[in-house]
Amino acid sequence: MKILLTSAKSDTIHRISTGLTKSHTVTLSDRNHVSTDLQFIQSSLNHDAGTNALVRNQEVVIHSLDNDSKASDSDILDAAMRCTYNLLFASVEEKVPKFIYISSLTLMDAYNEKYIVSESWEPMPQTNPSILRYHLAELVCREFSLEGNIDVIVLRFGEIVDQDHMLTQTKSALYVEDAINAINMAIKTSRNELNNKRLFHIQSKIPNGQYPTLSAENTLGYNPVKHI
């Protein structure tokens, strides 16, 4: 399957794309130039023909927000809203069947750590632009999903960690292998199988995990490895 991933500069996207190449034809994109062995297309994600050309003939677009530490607050929020909108608009115009947005469980961090927080709980992004941006992009995705012209799936990822990470240090640890599994399952899941569900929490099976993944397991077939 032909898949486009944005924010190629991200280490997480690099690691995920490497895993996806085992079964898919992967193209990477970023608003800045990135050196990679995979096919790469630089795109500013503006509302123009360039964004249409970027997504043309792709079967799945996987979008994540870039993490530019030098960006101003207004630029961070602009990229989250405007660029996500432009990418979705172009995907609809080019008849891309599926759009997967990688959001973040940091949207739910304001809840007491003793609570078990599912997708039915409202996000609490506060005013921190680095977290608020995930919520704003989710709202853009929701509007396109309601229009029904493209299948939109939002995966709220936990904190990406390595295998030697101390599990007690985070309540939302997500190993790369599980992140890749979640994306592969989302790619395979049809509109009928989604049954109007579009938002899923994704973390690994760890002790004291705060964000249950039962919905993703039942709907997408997500099968996280149990880590003890």
C-alpha atoms as a PDB file:
ATOM      1  CA  MET A   1       0.000   0.000   0.000  1.00  0.00           C
ATOM      2  CA  LYS A   2       1.242   3.506  -0.811  1.00  0.00           C
ATOM      3  CA  ILE A   3       1.621   5.563   2.350  1.00  0.00           C
ATOM      4  CA  LEU A   4       2.706   9.153   2.960  1.00  0.00           C
ATOM      5  CA  LEU A   5       4.044  10.238   6.367  1.00  0.00           C
ATOM      6  CA  THR A   6       4.568  13.870   7.308  1.00  0.00           C
ATOM      7  CA  SER A   7       7.029  15.378   9.807  1.00  0.00           C
ATOM      8  CA  ALA A   8       9.876  13.231   8.532  1.00  0.00           C
ATOM      9  CA  LYS A   9      12.356  15.111  10.734  1.00  0.00           C
ATOM     10  CA  SER A  10      10.778  13.502  13.807  1.00  0.00           C
ATOM     11  CA  ASP A  11      12.735  10.581  15.251  1.00  0.00           C
ATOM     12  CA  THR A  12       9.447   8.847  16.030  1.00  0.00           C
ATOM     13  CA  ILE A  13       8.246   9.125  12.431  1.00  0.00           C
ATOM     14  CA  HIS A  14      11.627   7.904  11.187  1.00  0.00           C
ATOM     15  CA  ARG A  15      11.394   4.794  13.354  1.00  0.00           C
ATOM     16  CA  ILE A  16       7.764   4.161  12.456  1.00  0.00           C
ATOM     17  CA  SER A  17       8.402   4.613   8.740  1.00  0.00           C
ATOM     18  CA  THR A  18      11.240   2.083   8.891  1.00  0.00           C
ATOM     19  CA  GLY A  19       8.822  -0.465  10.339  1.00  0.00           C
ATOM     20  CA  LEU A  20       6.117   0.299   7.785  1.00  0.00           C
ATOM     21  CA  THR A  21       8.483  -0.261   4.838  1.00  0.00           C
ATOM     22  CA  LYS A  22       8.344  -3.992   5.568  1.00  0.00           C
ATOM     23  CA  SER A  23       4.850  -4.157   4.069  1.00  0.00           C
ATOM     24  CA  HIS A  24       4.153  -0.803   2.411  1.00  0.00           C
ATOM     25  CA  THR A  25       5.599   1.656  -0.081  1.00  0.00           C
ATOM     26  CA  VAL A  26       6.496   4.640   2.084  1.00  0.00           C
ATOM     27  CA  THR A  27       7.050   8.283   1.134  1.00  0.00           C
ATOM     28  CA  LEU A  28       8.203  10.814   3.697  1.00  0.00           C
ATOM     29  CA  SER A  29       7.499  14.538   3.718  1.00  0.00           C
ATOM     30  CA  ASP A  30       8.456  17.528   5.825  1.00  0.00           C
ATOM     31  CA  ARG A  31       8.223  21.288   5.572  1.00  0.00           C
ATOM     32  CA  ASN A  32      12.026  21.346   5.674  1.00  0.00           C
ATOM     33  CA  HIS A  33      14.531  19.215   3.825  1.00  0.00           C
ATOM     34  CA  VAL A  34      15.347  15.889   5.490  1.00  0.00           C
ATOM     35  CA  SER A  35      18.073  13.457   4.471  1.00  0.00           C
ATOM     36  CA  THR A  36      16.662   9.939   4.275  1.00  0.00           C
ATOM     37  CA  ASP A  37      17.081   6.724   2.316  1.00  0.00           C
ATOM     38  CA  LEU A  38      13.335   6.634   1.692  1.00  0.00           C
ATOM     39  CA  GLN A  39      11.521   8.613  -0.968  1.00  0.00           C
ATOM     40  CA  PHE A  40      11.164  12.174   0.283  1.00  0.00           C
ATOM     41  CA  ILE A  41       9.113  15.165  -0.887  1.00  0.00           C
ATOM     42  CA  GLN A  42       9.484  18.563   0.730  1.00  0.00           C
ATOM     43  CA  SER A  43       6.201  20.411   1.130  1.00  0.00           C
ATOM     44  CA  SER A  44       5.136  23.546   2.992  1.00  0.00           C
ATOM     45  CA  LEU A  45       1.585  22.152   3.279  1.00  0.00           C
ATOM     46  CA  ASN A  46       0.086  25.322   1.905  1.00  0.00           C
ATOM     47  CA  HIS A  47      -3.331  25.544   0.297  1.00  0.00           C
ATOM     48  CA  ASP A  48      -1.969  25.077  -3.213  1.00  0.00           C
ATOM     49  CA  ALA A  49      -1.233  22.619  -5.992  1.00  0.00           C
ATOM     50  CA  GLY A  50       1.916  21.450  -4.226  1.00  0.00           C
ATOM     51  CA  THR A  51      -0.029  19.839  -1.401  1.00  0.00           C
ATOM     52  CA  ASN A  52      -2.351  18.176  -3.891  1.00  0.00           C
ATOM     53  CA  ALA A  53       0.652  16.783  -5.740  1.00  0.00           C
ATOM     54  CA  LEU A  54       2.087  15.536  -2.449  1.00  0.00           C
ATOM     55  CA  VAL A  55      -0.909  13.330  -1.621  1.00  0.00           C
ATOM     56  CA  ARG A  56      -1.847  12.351  -5.180  1.00  0.00           C
ATOM     57  CA  ASN A  57      -2.066   8.567  -5.694  1.00  0.00           C
ATOM     58  CA  GLN A  58      -1.437   7.874  -2.007  1.00  0.00           C
ATOM     59  CA  GLU A  59      -3.695   5.309  -0.342  1.00  0.00           C
ATOM     60  CA  VAL A  60      -3.070   6.467   3.233  1.00  0.00           C
ATOM     61  CA  VAL A  61      -1.800   9.772   4.614  1.00  0.00           C
ATOM     62  CA  ILE A  62      -0.326   9.601   8.124  1.00  0.00           C
ATOM     63  CA  HIS A  63       0.023  13.052   9.626  1.00  0.00           C
ATOM     64  CA  SER A  64       1.863  14.143  12.739  1.00  0.00           C
ATOM     65  CA  LEU A  65       2.768  17.620  13.914  1.00  0.00           C
ATOM     66  CA  ASP A  66       6.359  18.755  13.482  1.00  0.00           C
ATOM     67  CA  ASN A  67       8.321  19.685  16.562  1.00  0.00           C
ATOM     68  CA  ASP A  68      10.289  22.846  15.810  1.00  0.00           C
ATOM     69  CA  SER A  69      11.776  24.089  19.077  1.00  0.00           C
ATOM     70  CA  LYS A  70      12.507  27.463  17.465  1.00  0.00           C
ATOM     71  CA  ALA A  71       8.924  28.090  16.310  1.00  0.00           C
ATOM     72  CA  SER A  72       6.873  30.828  17.958  1.00  0.00           C
ATOM     73  CA  ASP A  73       3.618  30.026  19.722  1.00  0.00           C
ATOM     74  CA  SER A  74       1.608  31.444  16.823  1.00  0.00           C
ATOM     75  CA  ASP A  75       3.584  29.377  14.292  1.00  0.00           C
ATOM     76  CA  ILE A  76       3.036  26.212  16.341  1.00  0.00           C
ATOM     77  CA  LEU A  77      -0.727  26.731  16.420  1.00  0.00           C
ATOM     78  CA  ASP A  78      -0.855  27.838  12.788  1.00  0.00           C
ATOM     79  CA  ALA A  79       0.884  24.657  11.673  1.00  0.00           C
ATOM     80  CA  ALA A  80      -1.476  22.535  13.753  1.00  0.00           C
ATOM     81  CA  MET A  81      -4.616  24.094  12.294  1.00  0.00           C
ATOM     82  CA  ARG A  82      -3.801  25.471   8.848  1.00  0.00           C
ATOM     83  CA  CYS A  83      -1.393  22.783   7.672  1.00  0.00           C
ATOM     84  CA  THR A  84      -3.596  19.960   8.950  1.00  0.00           C
ATOM     85  CA  TYR A  85      -6.587  21.550   7.203  1.00  0.00           C
ATOM     86  CA  ASN A  86      -4.665  21.971   3.948  1.00  0.00           C
ATOM     87  CA  LEU A  87      -3.438  18.385   4.019  1.00  0.00           C
ATOM     88  CA  LEU A  88      -6.911  17.024   4.663  1.00  0.00           C
ATOM     89  CA  PHE A  89      -8.483  19.284   2.036  1.00  0.00           C
ATOM     90  CA  ALA A  90      -5.970  18.113  -0.568  1.00  0.00           C
ATOM     91  CA  SER A  91      -6.470  14.479   0.475  1.00  0.00           C
ATOM     92  CA  VAL A  92     -10.212  14.789  -0.088  1.00  0.00           C
ATOM     93  CA  GLU A  93      -9.704  16.468  -3.457  1.00  0.00           C
ATOM     94  CA  GLU A  94      -7.273  13.742  -4.540  1.00  0.00           C
ATOM     95  CA  LYS A  95      -9.613  11.028  -3.237  1.00  0.00           C
ATOM     96  CA  VAL A  96      -7.181   9.571  -0.694  1.00  0.00           C
ATOM     97  CA  PRO A  97      -9.213   6.855   1.090  1.00  0.00           C
ATOM     98  CA  LYS A  98      -7.748   7.163   4.584  1.00  0.00           C
ATOM     99  CA  PHE A  99      -6.147   9.814   6.797  1.00  0.00           C
ATOM    100  CA  ILE A 100      -4.497   8.873  10.116  1.00  0.00           C
ATOM    101  CA  TYR A 101      -3.592  11.653  12.525  1.00  0.00           C
ATOM    102  CA  ILE A 102      -1.083  10.880  15.279  1.00  0.00           C
ATOM    103  CA  SER A 103      -2.140  12.920  18.284  1.00  0.00           C
ATOM    104  CA  SER A 104      -0.839  12.726  21.856  1.00  0.00           C
ATOM    105  CA  LEU A 105      -2.032  11.480  25.227  1.00  0.00           C
ATOM    106  CA  THR A 106      -0.463  14.581  26.768  1.00  0.00           C
ATOM    107  CA  LEU A 107      -3.892  16.107  26.093  1.00  0.00           C
ATOM    108  CA  MET A 108      -5.129  14.086  29.056  1.00  0.00           C
ATOM    109  CA  ASP A 109      -2.214  14.621  31.439  1.00  0.00           C
ATOM    110  CA  ALA A 110      -4.066  17.218  33.526  1.00  0.00           C
ATOM    111  CA  TYR A 111      -6.277  14.501  34.965  1.00  0.00           C
ATOM    112  CA  ASN A 112      -5.331  13.022  38.322  1.00  0.00           C
ATOM    113  CA  GLU A 113      -2.911  10.156  37.767  1.00  0.00           C
ATOM    114  CA  LYS A 114      -5.186   7.912  39.848  1.00  0.00           C
ATOM    115  CA  TYR A 115      -7.921   8.144  37.198  1.00  0.00           C
ATOM    116  CA  ILE A 116      -8.248   5.647  34.365  1.00  0.00           C
ATOM    117  CA  VAL A 117      -8.893   7.929  31.385  1.00  0.00           C
ATOM    118  CA  SER A 118     -10.674   6.636  28.275  1.00  0.00           C
ATOM    119  CA  GLU A 119     -11.499   8.294  24.948  1.00  0.00           C
ATOM    120  CA  SER A 120     -14.873   9.441  26.310  1.00  0.00           C
ATOM    121  CA  TRP A 121     -13.136  11.925  28.641  1.00  0.00           C
ATOM    122  CA  GLU A 122     -12.748  15.478  27.401  1.00  0.00           C
ATOM    123  CA  PRO A 123      -9.192  16.652  26.606  1.00  0.00           C
ATOM    124  CA  MET A 124      -7.623  19.128  29.020  1.00  0.00           C
ATOM    125  CA  PRO A 125      -4.967  20.820  26.895  1.00  0.00           C
ATOM    126  CA  GLN A 126      -4.749  24.028  28.979  1.00  0.00           C
ATOM    127  CA  THR A 127      -2.979  26.887  27.129  1.00  0.00           C
ATOM    128  CA  ASN A 128       0.460  25.395  26.505  1.00  0.00           C
ATOM    129  CA  PRO A 129       0.847  25.647  22.685  1.00  0.00           C
ATOM    130  CA  SER A 130       3.002  22.503  22.531  1.00  0.00           C
ATOM    131  CA  ILE A 131       0.038  20.521  23.911  1.00  0.00           C
ATOM    132  CA  LEU A 132      -2.901  22.659  22.747  1.00  0.00           C
ATOM    133  CA  ARG A 133      -1.809  22.119  19.128  1.00  0.00           C
ATOM    134  CA  TYR A 134      -2.726  18.428  19.317  1.00  0.00           C
ATOM    135  CA  HIS A 135      -6.263  19.306  20.359  1.00  0.00           C
ATOM    136  CA  LEU A 136      -6.698  21.923  17.625  1.00  0.00           C
ATOM    137  CA  ALA A 137      -5.562  19.471  14.952  1.00  0.00           C
ATOM    138  CA  GLU A 138      -7.974  16.885  16.369  1.00  0.00           C
ATOM    139  CA  LEU A 139     -10.821  19.364  15.917  1.00  0.00           C
ATOM    140  CA  VAL A 140      -9.861  19.867  12.277  1.00  0.00           C
ATOM    141  CA  CYS A 141      -9.830  16.094  11.788  1.00  0.00           C
ATOM    142  CA  ARG A 142     -13.235  15.785  13.432  1.00  0.00           C
ATOM    143  CA  GLU A 143     -14.830  18.247  11.009  1.00  0.00           C
ATOM    144  CA  PHE A 144     -13.524  16.385   7.980  1.00  0.00           C
ATOM    145  CA  SER A 145     -14.596  13.094   9.507  1.00  0.00           C
ATOM    146  CA  LEU A 146     -18.147  14.392   9.973  1.00  0.00           C
ATOM    147  CA  GLU A 147     -18.316  15.344   6.304  1.00  0.00           C
ATOM    148  CA  GLY A 148     -17.681  11.695   5.451  1.00  0.00           C
ATOM    149  CA  ASN A 149     -15.557  12.259   2.343  1.00  0.00           C
ATOM    150  CA  ILE A 150     -12.506  10.533   3.818  1.00  0.00           C
ATOM    151  CA  ASP A 151     -11.934   7.994   6.589  1.00  0.00           C
ATOM    152  CA  VAL A 152     -10.193   9.854   9.409  1.00  0.00           C
ATOM    153  CA  ILE A 153      -8.676   7.996  12.358  1.00  0.00           C
ATOM    154  CA  VAL A 154      -7.051   9.755  15.312  1.00  0.00           C
ATOM    155  CA  LEU A 155      -4.496   7.773  17.307  1.00  0.00           C
ATOM    156  CA  ARG A 156      -3.488   9.404  20.581  1.00  0.00           C
ATOM    157  CA  PHE A 157       0.003   8.062  21.186  1.00  0.00           C
ATOM    158  CA  GLY A 158       1.594   7.689  24.577  1.00  0.00           C
ATOM    159  CA  GLU A 159       5.197   8.597  25.266  1.00  0.00           C
ATOM    160  CA  ILE A 160       7.493   6.739  22.853  1.00  0.00           C
ATOM    161  CA  VAL A 161      10.081   4.824  24.883  1.00  0.00           C
ATOM    162  CA  ASP A 162      12.853   2.301  24.279  1.00  0.00           C
ATOM    163  CA  GLN A 163      12.822  -1.250  25.570  1.00  0.00           C
ATOM    164  CA  ASP A 164      15.190  -0.432  28.434  1.00  0.00           C
ATOM    165  CA  HIS A 165      13.021   2.446  29.674  1.00  0.00           C
ATOM    166  CA  MET A 166      12.038   2.310  33.341  1.00  0.00           C
ATOM    167  CA  LEU A 167       8.287   1.679  33.169  1.00  0.00           C
ATOM    168  CA  THR A 168       7.662   3.431  36.473  1.00  0.00           C
ATOM    169  CA  GLN A 169       8.764   6.733  34.939  1.00  0.00           C
ATOM    170  CA  THR A 170       5.732   7.216  32.735  1.00  0.00           C
ATOM    171  CA  LYS A 171       2.012   6.445  32.829  1.00  0.00           C
ATOM    172  CA  SER A 172       1.601   6.270  29.037  1.00  0.00           C
ATOM    173  CA  ALA A 173       4.676   4.418  27.726  1.00  0.00           C
ATOM    174  CA  LEU A 174       4.441   3.312  24.106  1.00  0.00           C
ATOM    175  CA  TYR A 175       7.050   1.080  22.526  1.00  0.00           C
ATOM    176  CA  VAL A 176       7.765   1.623  18.842  1.00  0.00           C
ATOM    177  CA  GLU A 177       6.707  -1.911  17.957  1.00  0.00           C
ATOM    178  CA  ASP A 178       3.270  -1.208  19.445  1.00  0.00           C
ATOM    179  CA  ALA A 179       3.032   2.153  17.667  1.00  0.00           C
ATOM    180  CA  ILE A 180       3.711   0.432  14.332  1.00  0.00           C
ATOM    181  CA  ASN A 181       1.174  -2.271  15.170  1.00  0.00           C
ATOM    182  CA  ALA A 182      -1.493   0.351  15.925  1.00  0.00           C
ATOM    183  CA  ILE A 183      -0.877   2.134  12.629  1.00  0.00           C
ATOM    184  CA  ASN A 184      -0.932  -1.104  10.643  1.00  0.00           C
ATOM    185  CA  MET A 185      -4.223  -2.085  12.263  1.00  0.00           C
ATOM    186  CA  ALA A 186      -5.712   1.356  11.561  1.00  0.00           C
ATOM    187  CA  ILE A 187      -4.651   1.051   7.929  1.00  0.00           C
ATOM    188  CA  LYS A 188      -6.423  -2.310   7.597  1.00  0.00           C
ATOM    189  CA  THR A 189      -9.643  -1.335   9.379  1.00  0.00           C
ATOM    190  CA  SER A 190     -12.511  -0.522   7.022  1.00  0.00           C
ATOM    191  CA  ARG A 191     -15.123   2.195   7.489  1.00  0.00           C
ATOM    192  CA  ASN A 192     -17.757  -0.390   8.385  1.00  0.00           C
ATOM    193  CA  GLU A 193     -15.493  -1.959  10.997  1.00  0.00           C
ATOM    194  CA  LEU A 194     -14.873   1.442  12.563  1.00  0.00           C
ATOM    195  CA  ASN A 195     -18.602   1.720  13.281  1.00  0.00           C
ATOM    196  CA  ASN A 196     -18.378   5.514  13.682  1.00  0.00           C
ATOM    197  CA  LYS A 197     -15.428   5.293  16.088  1.00  0.00           C
ATOM    198  CA  ARG A 198     -12.592   7.600  15.062  1.00  0.00           C
ATOM    199  CA  LEU A 199     -10.486   8.250  18.176  1.00  0.00           C
ATOM    200  CA  PHE A 200      -8.307   5.729  19.989  1.00  0.00           C
ATOM    201  CA  HIS A 201      -5.849   5.789  22.885  1.00  0.00           C
ATOM    202  CA  ILE A 202      -2.632   3.940  22.099  1.00  0.00           C
ATOM    203  CA  GLN A 203      -0.138   2.878  24.735  1.00  0.00           C
ATOM    204  CA  SER A 204       1.698  -0.332  25.575  1.00  0.00           C
ATOM    205  CA  LYS A 205       0.537  -2.843  28.170  1.00  0.00           C
ATOM    206  CA  ILE A 206       2.521  -1.607  31.129  1.00  0.00           C
ATOM    207  CA  PRO A 207       1.985  -1.739  34.896  1.00  0.00           C
ATOM    208  CA  ASN A 208      -0.300   1.081  36.080  1.00  0.00           C
ATOM    209  CA  GLY A 209      -1.061   2.346  32.576  1.00  0.00           C
ATOM    210  CA  GLN A 210      -3.524   5.236  32.829  1.00  0.00           C
ATOM    211  CA  TYR A 211      -5.064   5.096  29.359  1.00  0.00           C
ATOM    212  CA  PRO A 212      -6.924   1.871  28.496  1.00  0.00           C
ATOM    213  CA  THR A 213      -6.659   0.664  24.898  1.00  0.00           C
ATOM    214  CA  LEU A 214      -9.696  -1.620  24.913  1.00  0.00           C
ATOM    215  CA  SER A 215     -11.459   0.391  22.205  1.00  0.00           C
ATOM    216  CA  ALA A 216      -8.434   0.124  19.899  1.00  0.00           C
ATOM    217  CA  GLU A 217      -8.123  -3.580  20.631  1.00  0.00           C
ATOM    218  CA  ASN A 218     -11.795  -4.305  19.919  1.00  0.00           C
ATOM    219  CA  THR A 219     -12.217  -2.033  16.886  1.00  0.00           C
ATOM    220  CA  LEU A 220      -8.814  -1.943  15.209  1.00  0.00           C
ATOM    221  CA  GLY A 221      -7.446  -5.272  16.379  1.00  0.00           C
ATOM    222  CA  TYR A 222      -4.588  -3.494  18.143  1.00  0.00           C
ATOM    223  CA  ASN A 223      -2.548  -6.109  19.980  1.00  0.00           C
ATOM    224  CA  PRO A 224       0.062  -4.503  22.257  1.00  0.00           C
ATOM    225  CA  VAL A 225       2.855  -6.667  23.582  1.00  0.00           C
ATOM    226  CA  LYS A 226       2.587  -7.260  27.308  1.00  0.00           C
ATOM    227  CA  HIS A 227       5.571  -5.760  29.102  1.00  0.00           C
ATOM    228  CA  ILE A 228       6.232  -6.852  32.669  1.00  0.00           C
END
